[in-house]
Protein backbone atom coordinates (compact mmCIF):
# COMPACT_ATOMS: atom_id res chain seq x y z
CA UNK A 1 -5.38 34.08 0.02
CA UNK A 2 -8.92 32.67 -0.14
CA UNK A 3 -10.50 30.92 2.79
CA UNK A 4 -14.00 30.47 4.28
CA UNK A 5 -15.22 33.58 6.03
CA UNK A 6 -16.56 33.19 9.54
CA UNK A 7 -18.54 36.37 9.46
CA UNK A 8 -22.04 37.75 9.94
CA UNK A 9 -22.26 41.32 11.20
CA UNK A 10 -25.88 41.70 10.31
CA UNK A 11 -26.87 38.30 11.62
CA UNK A 12 -27.90 38.13 15.26
CA UNK A 13 -27.51 35.24 17.64
CA UNK A 14 -30.60 34.87 19.82
CA UNK A 15 -29.77 32.82 22.89
CA UNK A 16 -32.63 31.67 25.11
CA UNK A 17 -32.71 33.66 28.34
CA UNK A 18 -32.37 30.45 30.33
CA UNK A 19 -28.82 30.18 29.00
CA UNK A 20 -27.80 33.51 30.51
CA UNK A 21 -27.06 32.47 34.06
CA UNK A 22 -24.62 33.54 36.71
CA UNK A 23 -22.02 30.80 36.48
CA UNK A 24 -19.61 29.77 39.18
CA UNK A 25 -15.88 29.61 38.50
CA UNK A 26 -13.87 30.71 35.49
CA UNK A 27 -15.48 30.48 32.05
CA UNK A 28 -14.26 27.87 29.61
CA UNK A 29 -13.87 30.61 27.00
CA UNK A 30 -13.84 34.39 27.39
CA UNK A 31 -14.00 35.86 23.90
CA UNK A 32 -15.82 37.50 21.01
CA UNK A 33 -18.43 36.29 18.52
CA UNK A 34 -16.52 35.58 15.31
CA UNK A 35 -19.43 33.94 13.50
CA UNK A 36 -23.02 34.77 14.24
CA UNK A 37 -25.42 31.93 13.55
CA UNK A 38 -28.26 30.38 15.51
CA UNK A 39 -28.76 29.92 19.24
CA UNK A 40 -27.41 26.38 18.92
CA UNK A 41 -24.59 27.01 16.45
CA UNK A 42 -22.14 29.94 16.40
CA UNK A 43 -18.45 30.71 17.00
CA UNK A 44 -16.56 32.59 19.70
CA UNK A 45 -12.85 33.34 19.08
CA UNK A 46 -13.00 30.84 16.23
CA UNK A 47 -14.24 28.08 18.55
CA UNK A 48 -17.45 26.37 17.53
CA UNK A 49 -20.15 26.72 20.21
CA UNK A 50 -23.05 24.28 20.45
CA UNK A 51 -25.85 24.35 23.00
CA UNK A 52 -29.19 22.67 23.49
CA UNK A 53 -32.23 24.86 22.91
CA UNK A 54 -34.09 25.74 26.09
CA UNK A 55 -37.62 27.24 26.03
CA UNK A 56 -37.68 30.90 27.01
CA UNK A 57 -39.07 31.38 30.48
CA UNK A 58 -42.27 33.49 30.70
CA UNK A 59 -41.58 37.19 31.14
CA UNK A 60 -37.93 37.00 30.09
CA UNK A 61 -36.60 38.63 26.94
CA UNK A 62 -34.01 36.93 24.75
CA UNK A 63 -30.83 38.91 24.33
CA UNK A 64 -29.45 39.26 20.77
CA UNK A 65 -25.71 38.82 20.30
CA UNK A 66 -23.93 40.43 17.39
CA UNK A 67 -20.68 39.80 15.58
CA UNK A 68 -17.89 40.98 17.86
CA UNK A 69 -19.85 40.83 21.11
CA UNK A 70 -17.97 39.80 24.23
CA UNK A 71 -19.29 36.52 25.73
CA UNK A 72 -18.35 34.18 28.55
CA UNK A 73 -18.87 30.53 27.61
CA UNK A 74 -19.16 27.74 30.22
CA UNK A 75 -19.18 24.09 29.19
CA UNK A 76 -17.12 21.13 28.04
CA UNK A 77 -14.36 21.77 25.51
CA UNK A 78 -13.42 19.20 22.85
CA UNK A 79 -9.90 20.16 21.74
CA UNK A 80 -9.88 17.85 18.75
CA UNK A 81 -12.95 19.36 17.14
CA UNK A 82 -12.24 22.85 18.54
CA UNK A 83 -15.78 22.87 19.98
CA UNK A 84 -17.42 23.74 23.28
CA UNK A 85 -20.73 22.20 24.29
CA UNK A 86 -22.08 25.15 26.27
CA UNK A 87 -24.38 24.78 29.24
CA UNK A 88 -24.18 28.41 30.35
CA UNK A 89 -23.50 31.64 28.44
CA UNK A 90 -23.09 35.13 29.84
CA UNK A 91 -22.78 38.42 28.05
CA UNK A 92 -19.75 40.25 29.44
CA UNK A 93 -21.05 43.31 31.21
CA UNK A 94 -19.86 46.69 29.98
CA UNK A 95 -20.30 49.69 32.26
CA UNK A 96 -23.59 51.52 31.69
CA UNK A 97 -21.61 54.73 31.24
CA UNK A 98 -18.01 55.07 30.11
CA UNK A 99 -16.04 58.24 30.76
CA UNK A 100 -13.86 59.02 27.72
CA UNK A 101 -11.34 61.78 27.05
CA UNK A 102 -9.31 62.33 23.93
CA UNK A 103 -7.56 64.52 21.40
CA UNK A 104 -8.44 63.87 17.78
CA UNK A 105 -9.35 65.10 14.33
CA UNK A 106 -12.96 65.67 13.26
CA UNK A 107 -13.50 63.49 10.17
CA UNK A 108 -17.24 63.79 9.71
CA UNK A 109 -20.31 65.87 10.46
CA UNK A 110 -23.21 63.46 11.01
CA UNK A 111 -25.88 66.07 11.85
CA UNK A 112 -26.06 69.60 13.30
CA UNK A 113 -25.52 68.11 16.77
CA UNK A 114 -23.45 65.01 15.95
CA UNK A 115 -19.82 64.97 14.92
CA UNK A 116 -17.57 62.02 14.14
CA UNK A 117 -14.08 61.97 15.59
CA UNK A 118 -11.70 59.48 17.17
CA UNK A 119 -13.92 56.61 15.98
CA UNK A 120 -16.96 57.83 17.94
CA UNK A 121 -20.26 59.53 17.20
CA UNK A 122 -20.16 62.56 19.53
CA UNK A 123 -23.22 64.51 20.59
CA UNK A 124 -23.14 68.24 21.30
CA UNK A 125 -25.91 69.20 23.74
CA UNK A 126 -26.95 72.55 25.26
CA UNK A 127 -25.05 71.47 28.39
CA UNK A 128 -21.77 70.85 26.49
CA UNK A 129 -19.13 73.40 27.45
CA UNK A 130 -17.48 74.63 24.26
CA UNK A 131 -14.20 76.51 23.83
CA UNK A 132 -12.87 77.89 20.54
CA UNK A 133 -9.15 78.51 20.32
CA UNK A 134 -7.66 81.23 18.05
CA UNK A 135 -7.85 81.72 15.17
CA UNK A 136 -11.27 80.09 15.61
CA UNK A 137 -13.97 82.16 17.27
CA UNK A 138 -17.19 81.37 19.12
CA UNK A 139 -19.12 82.09 15.92
CA UNK A 140 -17.41 79.16 14.18
CA UNK A 141 -19.01 75.77 13.80
CA UNK A 142 -17.59 72.24 13.91
CA UNK A 143 -15.96 71.27 10.61
CA UNK A 144 -13.94 68.40 9.19
CA UNK A 145 -10.17 68.82 9.72
CA UNK A 146 -10.58 70.70 13.00
CA UNK A 147 -8.88 69.24 16.07
CA UNK A 148 -10.74 68.69 19.31
CA UNK A 149 -9.87 67.95 22.90
CA UNK A 150 -12.93 66.36 24.45
CA UNK A 151 -14.47 64.77 27.51
CA UNK A 152 -17.74 62.91 27.62
CA UNK A 153 -19.84 59.95 28.71
CA UNK A 154 -20.62 57.12 26.33
CA UNK A 155 -24.20 55.90 26.53
CA UNK A 156 -24.66 52.96 24.16
CA UNK A 157 -23.67 54.11 20.68
CA UNK A 158 -23.42 57.84 21.48
CA UNK A 159 -20.65 59.74 23.24
CA UNK A 160 -22.38 62.69 24.95
CA UNK A 161 -19.87 65.50 25.28
CA UNK A 162 -19.42 67.18 28.61
CA UNK A 163 -16.86 69.63 27.27
CA UNK A 164 -14.98 70.20 24.04
CA UNK A 165 -12.25 72.54 22.81
CA UNK A 166 -11.83 73.24 19.10
CA UNK A 167 -8.50 73.96 17.37
CA UNK A 168 -7.75 74.95 13.78
CA UNK A 169 -5.72 72.54 11.71
CA UNK A 170 -2.28 74.13 12.03
CA UNK A 171 1.02 72.54 11.03
CA UNK A 172 3.83 73.92 13.18
CA UNK A 173 7.37 74.49 11.97
CA UNK A 174 8.58 71.56 14.09
CA UNK A 175 6.06 69.20 12.52
CA UNK A 176 6.84 70.41 9.00
CA UNK A 177 10.52 69.88 9.69
CA UNK A 178 9.83 66.29 10.78
CA UNK A 179 7.77 65.71 7.64
CA UNK A 180 10.59 67.00 5.47
CA UNK A 181 13.13 64.75 7.20
CA UNK A 182 11.00 61.65 6.68
CA UNK A 183 10.01 62.31 3.07
CA UNK A 184 11.97 60.19 0.60
CA UNK A 185 11.58 58.01 -2.47
CA UNK A 186 11.13 54.59 -0.86
CA UNK A 187 10.99 52.90 -4.28
CA UNK A 188 14.58 53.92 -5.02
CA UNK A 189 16.15 52.09 -2.05
CA UNK A 190 18.20 49.11 -3.24
CA UNK A 191 19.77 46.06 -1.65
CA UNK A 192 23.10 47.91 -1.65
CA UNK A 193 21.52 50.54 0.61
CA UNK A 194 20.44 47.99 3.22
CA UNK A 195 21.54 48.90 6.75
CA UNK A 196 24.09 46.63 8.38
CA UNK A 197 23.47 44.83 11.64
CA UNK A 198 26.18 46.86 13.36
CA UNK A 199 24.58 50.12 12.20
CA UNK A 200 21.18 49.04 13.54
CA UNK A 201 22.76 48.16 16.89
CA UNK A 202 24.54 51.47 17.36
CA UNK A 203 22.23 53.88 15.52
CA UNK A 204 18.84 52.19 15.53
CA UNK A 205 16.79 51.23 12.49
CA UNK A 206 17.09 53.62 9.55
CA UNK A 207 13.82 53.21 7.67
CA UNK A 208 15.26 55.02 4.66
CA UNK A 209 17.59 52.06 4.09
CA UNK A 210 15.03 49.26 3.79
CA UNK A 211 15.16 47.87 0.22
CA UNK A 212 12.11 48.26 -1.95
CA UNK A 213 10.42 45.22 -3.47
CA UNK A 214 9.56 45.66 -7.14
CA UNK A 215 6.48 43.59 -7.94
CA UNK A 216 4.42 45.69 -10.41
CA UNK A 217 1.15 43.80 -9.96
CA UNK A 218 1.33 43.73 -6.17
CA UNK A 219 2.45 47.37 -6.04
CA UNK A 220 -0.46 48.42 -8.24
CA UNK A 221 -2.90 46.55 -5.98
CA UNK A 222 -1.32 48.20 -2.94
CA UNK A 223 -1.57 51.68 -4.47
CA UNK A 224 -5.19 51.20 -5.53
CA UNK A 225 -6.30 50.09 -2.07
CA UNK A 226 -4.27 52.80 -0.34
CA UNK A 227 -5.56 55.62 -2.52
CA UNK A 228 -9.13 54.41 -2.04
CA UNK A 229 -8.72 54.72 1.75
CA UNK A 230 -7.49 58.32 1.78
CA UNK A 231 -10.49 60.36 2.97
CA UNK A 232 -12.16 62.68 0.47
CA UNK A 233 -11.61 65.74 2.62
CA UNK A 234 -7.85 65.06 2.50
CA UNK A 235 -7.84 64.59 -1.26
CA UNK A 236 -9.83 67.81 -1.72
CA UNK A 237 -7.25 69.95 0.11
CA UNK A 238 -5.45 72.15 -2.42
CA UNK A 239 -1.85 71.44 -3.37
CA UNK A 240 0.36 73.46 -1.07
CA UNK A 241 -2.01 73.27 1.91
CA UNK A 242 0.20 72.30 4.89
CA UNK A 243 -2.52 69.91 6.09
CA UNK A 244 -2.42 67.89 2.87
CA UNK A 245 -0.48 64.64 3.28
CA UNK A 246 1.19 63.15 0.23
CA UNK A 247 0.56 59.48 0.97
CA UNK A 248 2.91 57.01 -0.70
CA UNK A 249 2.64 53.24 -0.32
CA UNK A 250 5.75 51.16 -0.99
CA UNK A 251 6.43 47.42 -0.82
CA UNK A 252 9.61 46.70 1.12
CA UNK A 253 11.70 43.70 2.09
CA UNK A 254 10.86 43.44 5.79
CA UNK A 255 9.25 40.90 8.12
CA UNK A 256 7.32 43.18 10.48
CA UNK A 257 3.75 42.27 11.44
CA UNK A 258 2.62 45.79 10.55
CA UNK A 259 3.60 48.66 8.25
CA UNK A 260 5.77 51.63 9.14
CA UNK A 261 4.26 55.11 8.80
CA UNK A 262 6.34 58.26 8.41
CA UNK A 263 5.00 61.71 9.38
CA UNK A 264 5.48 62.64 5.70
CA UNK A 265 2.87 60.07 4.64
CA UNK A 266 5.37 57.49 3.34
CA UNK A 267 4.04 54.07 4.38
CA UNK A 268 6.39 51.09 4.10
CA UNK A 269 4.53 47.80 3.60
CA UNK A 270 6.25 44.42 4.02
CA UNK A 271 5.70 42.58 0.74
CA UNK A 272 4.66 39.36 2.48
CA UNK A 273 1.76 41.20 4.19
CA UNK A 274 0.43 42.53 0.88
CA UNK A 275 0.78 39.10 -0.70
CA UNK A 276 -0.78 37.20 2.22
CA UNK A 277 -3.90 39.25 2.94
CA UNK A 278 -7.01 39.68 0.83
CA UNK A 279 -8.15 43.17 -0.19
CA UNK A 280 -10.31 43.87 2.88
CA UNK A 281 -7.59 42.65 5.24
CA UNK A 282 -4.83 44.57 3.49
CA UNK A 283 -7.09 47.63 3.58
CA UNK A 284 -7.33 47.15 7.36
CA UNK A 285 -3.57 47.38 7.80
CA UNK A 286 -3.26 50.34 5.44
CA UNK A 287 -6.21 52.15 7.06
CA UNK A 288 -4.63 51.81 10.49
CA UNK A 289 -1.41 53.35 9.19
CA UNK A 290 -3.22 56.12 7.31
CA UNK A 291 -5.02 56.88 10.57
CA UNK A 292 -1.65 57.05 12.31
CA UNK A 293 -0.59 59.79 9.88
CA UNK A 294 -3.91 61.68 10.00
CA UNK A 295 -3.90 61.72 13.80
CA UNK A 296 -0.19 62.70 13.74
CA UNK A 297 0.69 59.82 16.02
CA UNK A 298 4.27 59.43 14.83
CA UNK A 299 4.88 63.06 15.75
CA UNK A 300 3.07 62.71 19.06
CA UNK A 301 5.15 59.70 20.01
CA UNK A 302 8.49 61.08 18.83
CA UNK A 303 11.45 61.42 21.16
CA UNK A 304 10.71 65.12 21.39
CA UNK A 305 7.12 64.38 22.42
CA UNK A 306 8.31 62.05 25.17
CA UNK A 307 10.70 64.70 26.44
CA UNK A 308 7.92 67.28 26.54
CA UNK A 309 5.60 64.92 28.36
CA UNK A 310 8.33 64.12 30.85
CA UNK A 311 8.56 67.84 31.60
CA UNK A 312 4.77 68.02 31.95
CA UNK A 313 4.55 70.56 29.14
CA UNK A 314 1.14 70.68 27.50
CA UNK A 315 1.07 69.89 23.80
CA UNK A 316 -0.17 72.02 20.94
CA UNK A 317 -2.60 71.45 18.09
CA UNK A 318 0.11 69.73 16.07
CA UNK A 319 -0.44 66.72 18.29
CA UNK A 320 2.10 66.94 21.13
CA UNK A 321 -0.53 65.78 23.54
CA UNK A 322 -1.82 62.45 24.78
CA UNK A 323 -5.01 62.93 26.84
CA UNK A 324 -4.71 61.93 30.46
CA UNK A 325 -1.03 61.11 30.13
CA UNK A 326 0.64 64.53 30.11
CA UNK A 327 1.87 64.26 33.71
CA UNK A 328 3.44 60.83 33.38
CA UNK A 329 7.22 60.64 33.78
CA UNK A 330 7.89 59.13 30.36
CA UNK A 331 11.69 59.21 30.33
CA UNK A 332 12.93 55.78 31.38
CA UNK A 333 9.45 54.65 32.30
CA UNK A 334 8.62 51.58 30.21
CA UNK A 335 5.17 51.20 31.76
CA UNK A 336 4.17 54.74 30.84
CA UNK A 337 5.53 54.34 27.32
CA UNK A 338 3.53 51.11 26.94
CA UNK A 339 0.39 52.94 28.12
CA UNK A 340 0.85 55.66 25.53
CA UNK A 341 1.50 53.13 22.76
CA UNK A 342 -1.64 51.19 23.71
CA UNK A 343 -3.68 54.41 23.75
CA UNK A 344 -2.45 55.45 20.30
CA UNK A 345 -2.96 51.96 18.84
CA UNK A 346 -6.56 51.90 20.07
CA UNK A 347 -7.13 55.29 18.47
CA UNK A 348 -5.68 54.28 15.10
CA UNK A 349 -7.80 51.12 15.25
CA UNK A 350 -11.01 53.07 15.86
CA UNK A 351 -10.24 55.56 13.12
CA UNK A 352 -9.27 52.76 10.72
CA UNK A 353 -12.83 51.41 10.93
CA UNK A 354 -14.09 54.83 9.84
CA UNK A 355 -11.74 54.85 6.84
CA UNK A 356 -12.67 51.28 5.90
CA UNK A 357 -16.38 52.00 6.15
CA UNK A 358 -16.22 55.21 4.11
CA UNK A 359 -14.17 53.47 1.38
CA UNK A 360 -16.63 50.58 1.15
CA UNK A 361 -14.44 47.82 2.59
CA UNK A 362 -15.75 45.08 4.88
CA UNK A 363 -15.09 46.33 8.42
CA UNK A 364 -15.86 42.85 9.79
CA UNK A 365 -12.52 41.68 8.40
CA UNK A 366 -10.53 44.22 10.43
CA UNK A 367 -9.97 42.16 13.60
CA UNK A 368 -9.33 39.04 11.54
CA UNK A 369 -6.46 40.75 9.72
CA UNK A 370 -4.60 41.54 12.94
CA UNK A 371 -5.37 38.10 14.35
CA UNK A 372 -3.91 36.44 11.27
CA UNK A 373 -0.79 38.63 11.26
CA UNK A 374 -0.24 38.03 14.97
CA UNK A 375 -0.52 34.23 14.68
CA UNK A 376 1.36 33.94 11.38
CA UNK A 377 -0.37 30.58 10.92
CA UNK A 378 -3.03 29.46 8.39
CA UNK A 379 -5.17 28.18 11.28
CA UNK A 380 -4.94 31.52 13.12
CA UNK A 381 -8.41 31.13 14.63
CA UNK A 382 -7.11 28.29 16.75
CA UNK A 383 -4.57 30.67 18.28
CA UNK A 384 -5.21 33.05 21.19
CA UNK A 385 -6.84 36.25 20.03
CA UNK A 386 -4.47 39.25 20.34
CA UNK A 387 -5.56 42.41 22.11
CA UNK A 388 -5.53 44.44 18.91
CA UNK A 389 -8.11 42.14 17.31
CA UNK A 390 -10.16 41.85 20.51
CA UNK A 391 -10.39 45.63 20.78
CA UNK A 392 -11.74 45.93 17.23
CA UNK A 393 -14.27 43.15 17.86
CA UNK A 394 -15.56 45.14 20.83
CA UNK A 395 -15.80 48.29 18.69
CA UNK A 396 -17.78 46.46 16.01
CA UNK A 397 -20.27 45.22 18.60
CA UNK A 398 -20.79 48.69 20.10
CA UNK A 399 -20.01 51.74 17.94
CA UNK A 400 -20.68 49.87 14.67
CA UNK A 401 -23.70 47.73 15.52
CA UNK A 402 -26.92 48.06 13.57
CA UNK A 403 -28.56 51.46 13.96
CA UNK A 404 -25.44 53.27 15.12
CA UNK A 405 -25.22 56.88 13.86
CA UNK A 406 -21.55 56.35 13.01
CA UNK A 407 -22.70 54.20 10.08
CA UNK A 408 -23.63 57.48 8.34
CA UNK A 409 -21.16 58.62 5.71
CA UNK A 410 -20.01 61.52 7.84
CA UNK A 411 -19.57 63.78 4.83
């Protein structure tokens, strides 16, 4: 489980301005800084980058590159040494302003005018249009565990809200029913209960019939990491509060490249994942699945949700809503379903970084965990970087770079 870490979030790579040129043709490598070092020695997508120092031209300012930043590398690749001798480097250009909409849970209050939700630091300004839905009133104030539907423009590390609607944290009867149906003792499932291949074919996978793995030491480690990731505001909810999720983490005999999260809070973890990853990496996978439950994604992406979206019926505060996608004809539309899945996976990834940060884990390991699980090879950094890891690298270089307000505790 131990291996050299190619990390350096705090370290900056200062590349001479003469290196940042408009290059012709496709780049040799289009990727993300996975080890920050010096201007002549750093890594992108696990590939070692070398370049000759060039004096800075008068009047030009060197651009710092941080861990996770998106770069275009031009130069000669040596496949044997997994190295590129760069002669030109460009920083991939992000739009100056990004229009973002979403539906999410407030998980932190950073200041009287800054809230944390959906993995962003969101600014409320005098120009922000605010709506408070019953039982909330206009005299209320933003609080943790409220739901928001929002629209805003991202400027650097701040998402400036154009409009926002607040909803109380309500658990509907339909959601509670789904929780009840998916709540079970995962540790009691035996090999005799395992679902047959014919049953899977005709009825689909029954997650209540996946045998538990009984490894006391590994299970204890899993429980400790999982409990550490549950946010304090969730733990502080009184017993009996419908919003309180009874998270349970169970090792199971499965070969998925991720865990399986139930609306009830039962999270099934393939034993090989828990055994393979170090604590920070395992925390990444668990945090993503905890985020899935907190943001009610399993409920939002249920068959009932898809049917409602297909009928263009707006969702409610329980989560039957995917921003910007409510008019898509979901039924039978694989492209639309893929779009929704991608949207929800990005959200759980953003929120997982919040959970990791608040619990004191190393957020720099998050993209590496998904990269390693995707490649399933010890030399995973020689494999193409998957989108899930690339997305988290981009988040680390923007929302989580030095000086970002989201680095506050949010409590």
